[in-house]
Amino acid sequence: MRRVAGVWGARMRPAAEEMISKRVTRGMRVLDVGGGGGTSGLATHIIDRMTYDEWMQRWIPEGVEIARENWCVHDVCERVPWDYPDDFFDFVICSHTLEDVRDPIWVCQEMSRVGRAGYVETPSVFLELTRGMNTGFQAGKWVGYCHHRWLVAEECGVLLFRQKPYFLHSSRRFHFPRRYRERWMKADQAYLGVFWEGKCIAKEVVMPEELDMKAEIEAFILAGEGAPNLAMRMHRMRETLWCFGKSLAKILAMDRRVRQLFSGK
């Protein structure tokens, strides 16, 4: 897999579309997975929950043509193989879909089965951890896009999916301020773009413990900022003081009294 830098855009980046066009030649079958809401101009086939008629009425981009018989209405996360034979497509595009769906691992497996190669694009973890990405009423309250389920990263050729935890919205310790959005755009760190061949390998990073999840998110914030932010420093200072107080109470044989005091018994 090869990482591709990204910039802001509702559909796939024009730069990514151009790079894909160098790999796709006339006569190839190209599937756009979940492409009803932002169809690639290179696609010959679509698989989406949206119907062809809905697409024609509301979403069809200018200059994009898809034959009705090449449109497949299907929930891509349903644990039923897609209605295509193995290696049917020369190229598979999945742009701004995997972060939304309930089972991206299954989607990647099916893309690998029906396609020989492809391209995946999602918001980067940095962008998804930035406050104020949505528009409209109270948009600034939320971190990343409110409808996205996953934080998506890539490591050693593997797409990694982490559940997007709810505590992101609660503290500056777990997200970037709104102004960082422009920073990611200028640094080409807004989107994750990955080309794959043969197989699109994907795994879920399971974090059942709250402390593990918070440590993972803090690691991403540190990677983006280069140093702990004020909320992290305050949290660590409180933890240090709490641990010191517990140790002092134990030394002074007051730990039982302190526990009784805080438990109210």
Protein backbone atom coordinates (compact mmCIF):
# COMPACT_ATOMS: atom_id res chain seq x y z
CA MET A 1 0.00 0.00 0.00
CA ARG A 2 1.12 3.56 -0.66
CA ARG A 3 0.00 6.56 1.38
CA VAL A 4 -1.32 9.55 -0.55
CA ALA A 5 -1.52 13.02 0.97
CA GLY A 6 -4.93 14.71 1.02
CA VAL A 7 -6.68 18.04 0.88
CA TRP A 8 -10.14 19.16 1.77
CA GLY A 9 -13.06 18.26 -0.50
CA ALA A 10 -16.57 16.81 -0.33
CA ARG A 11 -15.81 14.27 -3.05
CA MET A 12 -12.60 12.44 -3.80
CA ARG A 13 -9.68 14.80 -4.23
CA PRO A 14 -8.97 15.82 -7.83
CA ALA A 15 -5.32 14.85 -7.28
CA ALA A 16 -6.37 11.33 -6.26
CA GLU A 17 -8.71 11.09 -9.24
CA GLU A 18 -5.82 12.06 -11.49
CA MET A 19 -3.50 9.45 -9.94
CA ILE A 20 -6.16 6.76 -10.31
CA SER A 21 -6.66 7.75 -13.95
CA LYS A 22 -3.02 6.79 -14.60
CA ARG A 23 -3.84 3.24 -13.43
CA VAL A 24 -7.20 2.91 -15.17
CA THR A 25 -7.37 2.52 -18.93
CA ARG A 26 -10.29 2.46 -21.32
CA GLY A 27 -12.24 -0.78 -21.18
CA MET A 28 -11.47 -1.55 -17.54
CA ARG A 29 -14.27 -2.36 -15.12
CA VAL A 30 -14.14 0.12 -12.22
CA LEU A 31 -16.40 -0.26 -9.18
CA ASP A 32 -17.20 2.68 -6.91
CA VAL A 33 -18.22 1.35 -3.48
CA GLY A 34 -20.77 3.60 -1.80
CA GLY A 35 -20.28 6.07 -4.62
CA GLY A 36 -23.87 7.21 -4.91
CA GLY A 37 -23.22 10.36 -2.89
CA GLY A 38 -19.96 11.32 -4.63
CA THR A 39 -19.39 9.27 -7.75
CA SER A 40 -15.95 9.03 -9.30
CA GLY A 41 -15.78 10.07 -12.92
CA LEU A 42 -13.75 6.92 -13.60
CA ALA A 43 -16.41 4.48 -12.32
CA THR A 44 -18.22 2.09 -14.66
CA HIS A 45 -20.18 0.33 -11.88
CA ILE A 46 -21.72 1.42 -8.56
CA ILE A 47 -22.73 -0.53 -5.46
CA ASP A 48 -24.74 1.53 -2.97
CA ARG A 49 -27.87 1.49 -0.79
CA MET A 50 -29.15 4.39 -2.88
CA THR A 51 -31.18 3.45 -5.93
CA TYR A 52 -30.30 4.49 -9.44
CA ASP A 53 -33.36 6.74 -9.67
CA GLU A 54 -32.49 8.51 -6.40
CA TRP A 55 -28.99 9.09 -7.71
CA MET A 56 -30.30 10.51 -10.98
CA GLN A 57 -32.63 12.89 -9.15
CA ARG A 58 -30.35 14.17 -6.39
CA TRP A 59 -26.70 13.24 -6.54
CA ILE A 60 -25.49 12.68 -10.08
CA PRO A 61 -22.31 14.75 -10.64
CA GLU A 62 -21.97 16.68 -13.86
CA GLY A 63 -20.27 14.67 -16.59
CA VAL A 64 -20.63 11.28 -14.83
CA GLU A 65 -22.50 8.54 -16.66
CA ILE A 66 -23.36 5.12 -15.20
CA ALA A 67 -25.56 2.65 -17.05
CA ARG A 68 -28.60 1.51 -15.09
CA GLU A 69 -27.62 -2.15 -15.52
CA ASN A 70 -24.26 -1.38 -13.87
CA TRP A 71 -25.91 -0.11 -10.70
CA CYS A 72 -26.25 -2.55 -7.78
CA VAL A 73 -28.51 -1.66 -4.85
CA HIS A 74 -26.98 -3.38 -1.83
CA ASP A 75 -26.06 -2.78 1.81
CA VAL A 76 -22.30 -3.30 1.50
CA CYS A 77 -22.03 -4.24 5.20
CA GLU A 78 -24.59 -7.03 4.99
CA ARG A 79 -22.77 -10.32 5.51
CA VAL A 80 -23.80 -11.53 2.07
CA PRO A 81 -21.24 -11.66 -0.75
CA TRP A 82 -21.69 -8.89 -3.27
CA ASP A 83 -23.33 -9.94 -6.52
CA TYR A 84 -20.07 -10.07 -8.48
CA PRO A 85 -17.70 -12.98 -9.23
CA ASP A 86 -14.14 -13.06 -7.92
CA ASP A 87 -11.72 -10.59 -9.59
CA PHE A 88 -14.54 -9.17 -11.71
CA PHE A 89 -13.22 -5.60 -11.47
CA ASP A 90 -9.88 -4.27 -12.58
CA PHE A 91 -10.06 -1.47 -10.03
CA VAL A 92 -12.19 -0.66 -6.96
CA ILE A 93 -12.66 2.85 -5.55
CA CYS A 94 -13.92 3.41 -2.01
CA SER A 95 -13.81 7.10 -1.15
CA HIS A 96 -15.27 8.53 2.08
CA THR A 97 -17.33 5.46 2.85
CA LEU A 98 -15.41 3.22 5.25
CA GLU A 99 -15.45 5.77 8.09
CA ASP A 100 -19.27 5.79 7.92
CA VAL A 101 -20.23 2.13 7.71
CA ARG A 102 -20.80 -0.32 10.56
CA ASP A 103 -18.50 -3.08 9.21
CA PRO A 104 -15.54 -1.70 7.22
CA ILE A 105 -13.60 -4.95 7.68
CA TRP A 106 -16.19 -6.89 5.70
CA VAL A 107 -16.27 -4.19 3.02
CA CYS A 108 -12.49 -4.43 2.59
CA GLN A 109 -12.73 -8.22 2.34
CA GLU A 110 -15.34 -8.00 -0.40
CA MET A 111 -13.37 -5.33 -2.26
CA SER A 112 -10.39 -7.69 -2.18
CA ARG A 113 -12.53 -10.55 -3.51
CA VAL A 114 -14.19 -8.74 -6.41
CA GLY A 115 -11.28 -6.48 -7.39
CA ARG A 116 -7.65 -6.87 -8.38
CA ALA A 117 -6.55 -3.46 -7.11
CA GLY A 118 -8.05 -0.30 -5.72
CA TYR A 119 -7.93 2.94 -3.80
CA VAL A 120 -9.32 3.89 -0.37
CA GLU A 121 -9.71 7.41 0.95
CA THR A 122 -10.96 8.57 4.38
CA PRO A 123 -10.46 11.58 6.64
CA SER A 124 -7.17 11.34 8.49
CA VAL A 125 -7.18 10.72 12.23
CA PHE A 126 -5.92 14.29 12.70
CA LEU A 127 -8.91 15.74 10.84
CA GLU A 128 -11.35 13.43 12.63
CA LEU A 129 -9.95 14.61 15.98
CA THR A 130 -10.46 18.30 15.12
CA ARG A 131 -13.38 20.19 16.59
CA GLY A 132 -15.88 21.99 14.39
CA MET A 133 -15.77 19.92 11.19
CA ASN A 134 -19.55 19.89 10.77
CA THR A 135 -21.58 22.82 9.50
CA GLY A 136 -24.88 24.21 10.75
CA PHE A 137 -26.40 24.74 14.18
CA GLN A 138 -24.04 23.93 17.09
CA ALA A 139 -21.49 22.49 14.64
CA GLY A 140 -18.62 23.67 16.82
CA LYS A 141 -19.68 21.41 19.69
CA TRP A 142 -18.56 18.20 18.02
CA VAL A 143 -15.16 16.70 17.29
CA GLY A 144 -14.69 15.48 13.72
CA TYR A 145 -17.77 14.58 11.71
CA CYS A 146 -20.71 13.69 13.95
CA HIS A 147 -21.88 10.79 11.73
CA HIS A 148 -18.52 9.03 11.44
CA ARG A 149 -17.96 5.81 13.39
CA TRP A 150 -14.23 5.17 12.93
CA LEU A 151 -10.78 6.69 13.23
CA VAL A 152 -8.88 5.28 10.26
CA ALA A 153 -5.10 4.96 10.03
CA GLU A 154 -2.62 2.94 8.00
CA GLU A 155 0.38 1.02 9.30
CA CYS A 156 2.70 -1.29 7.37
CA GLY A 157 0.19 -1.69 4.57
CA VAL A 158 -2.77 -2.43 6.85
CA LEU A 159 -5.83 -0.21 7.34
CA LEU A 160 -6.54 0.13 11.06
CA PHE A 161 -10.00 1.01 12.35
CA ARG A 162 -10.48 2.34 15.86
CA GLN A 163 -13.90 3.02 17.32
CA LYS A 164 -14.47 6.76 17.62
CA PRO A 165 -15.10 7.20 21.39
CA TYR A 166 -17.67 9.59 22.82
CA PHE A 167 -15.28 11.17 25.31
CA LEU A 168 -13.53 13.02 22.46
CA HIS A 169 -15.97 15.92 22.88
CA SER A 170 -15.40 16.35 26.61
CA SER A 171 -11.88 17.70 26.96
CA ARG A 172 -9.23 19.59 25.01
CA ARG A 173 -6.99 16.73 26.06
CA PHE A 174 -8.59 14.51 23.40
CA HIS A 175 -8.97 16.79 20.37
CA PHE A 176 -7.45 19.59 18.34
CA PRO A 177 -8.97 23.10 18.25
CA ARG A 178 -10.94 24.24 15.21
CA ARG A 179 -8.08 26.33 13.83
CA TYR A 180 -6.05 23.15 13.23
CA ARG A 181 -8.27 22.28 10.29
CA GLU A 182 -6.33 24.68 8.07
CA ARG A 183 -3.09 23.30 9.44
CA TRP A 184 -3.94 19.79 8.22
CA MET A 185 -4.97 21.14 4.82
CA LYS A 186 -1.74 23.04 4.30
CA ALA A 187 0.38 20.12 5.53
CA ASP A 188 -1.46 17.57 3.31
CA GLN A 189 -2.53 15.67 6.41
CA ALA A 190 -6.29 16.09 6.08
CA TYR A 191 -7.04 12.78 4.38
CA LEU A 192 -5.66 9.27 4.28
CA GLY A 193 -5.36 7.89 0.75
CA VAL A 194 -4.13 4.35 0.12
CA PHE A 195 -3.63 2.32 -3.06
CA TRP A 196 -3.78 -1.47 -2.73
CA GLU A 197 -3.13 -4.43 -4.98
CA GLY A 198 -4.29 -8.01 -4.52
CA LYS A 199 -5.84 -7.48 -1.10
CA CYS A 200 -7.09 -4.52 0.89
CA ILE A 201 -6.04 -5.67 4.35
CA ALA A 202 -8.01 -4.17 7.25
CA LYS A 203 -8.16 -4.81 10.99
CA GLU A 204 -10.08 -3.38 13.91
CA VAL A 205 -8.01 -2.16 16.85
CA VAL A 206 -10.05 -3.32 19.83
CA MET A 207 -9.70 -1.17 22.96
CA PRO A 208 -12.09 -2.50 25.62
CA GLU A 209 -10.54 -0.53 28.48
CA GLU A 210 -11.22 3.19 28.85
CA LEU A 211 -7.64 3.94 29.89
CA ASP A 212 -6.29 2.20 26.77
CA MET A 213 -8.62 4.22 24.54
CA LYS A 214 -7.60 7.48 26.18
CA ALA A 215 -3.92 6.60 25.87
CA GLU A 216 -4.38 5.87 22.13
CA ILE A 217 -6.14 9.20 21.54
CA GLU A 218 -3.50 11.09 23.52
CA ALA A 219 -0.83 9.48 21.34
CA PHE A 220 -2.51 10.89 18.21
CA ILE A 221 -2.78 14.35 19.79
CA LEU A 222 0.89 14.25 20.74
CA ALA A 223 1.83 13.18 17.20
CA GLY A 224 -0.05 16.18 15.82
CA GLU A 225 1.06 18.81 18.33
CA GLY A 226 4.53 17.52 19.17
CA ALA A 227 4.05 18.11 22.91
CA PRO A 228 1.32 17.69 25.57
CA ASN A 229 -1.31 20.43 25.45
CA LEU A 230 -2.47 22.32 28.53
CA ALA A 231 -5.36 19.91 29.21
CA MET A 232 -2.96 16.95 29.14
CA ARG A 233 -0.53 18.72 31.47
CA MET A 234 -3.29 19.56 33.95
CA HIS A 235 -4.60 15.99 33.87
CA ARG A 236 -1.15 14.54 34.49
CA MET A 237 -0.53 16.98 37.32
CA ARG A 238 -3.81 15.97 38.99
CA GLU A 239 -2.92 12.29 38.58
CA THR A 240 0.52 12.90 40.11
CA LEU A 241 -0.97 14.77 43.07
CA TRP A 242 -3.59 12.07 43.58
CA CYS A 243 -0.96 9.28 43.58
CA PHE A 244 1.22 11.30 45.94
CA GLY A 245 -1.73 11.83 48.30
CA LYS A 246 -2.56 8.12 48.30
CA SER A 247 1.05 7.21 49.08
CA LEU A 248 1.27 9.80 51.86
CA ALA A 249 -1.99 8.61 53.40
CA LYS A 250 -0.70 5.03 53.37
CA ILE A 251 2.58 6.04 55.00
CA LEU A 252 0.69 7.92 57.71
CA ALA A 253 -1.69 4.97 58.15
CA MET A 254 -4.59 7.23 57.17
CA ASP A 255 -5.57 5.43 53.97
CA ARG A 256 -8.56 3.68 55.63
CA ARG A 257 -9.89 6.97 57.02
CA VAL A 258 -9.47 8.66 53.65
CA ARG A 259 -11.39 5.88 51.91
CA GLN A 260 -14.18 6.17 54.45
CA LEU A 261 -14.25 9.93 53.99
CA PHE A 262 -14.66 9.69 50.20
CA SER A 263 -17.10 6.80 50.35
CA GLY A 264 -19.31 8.64 52.83
CA LYS A 265 -19.44 5.67 55.20
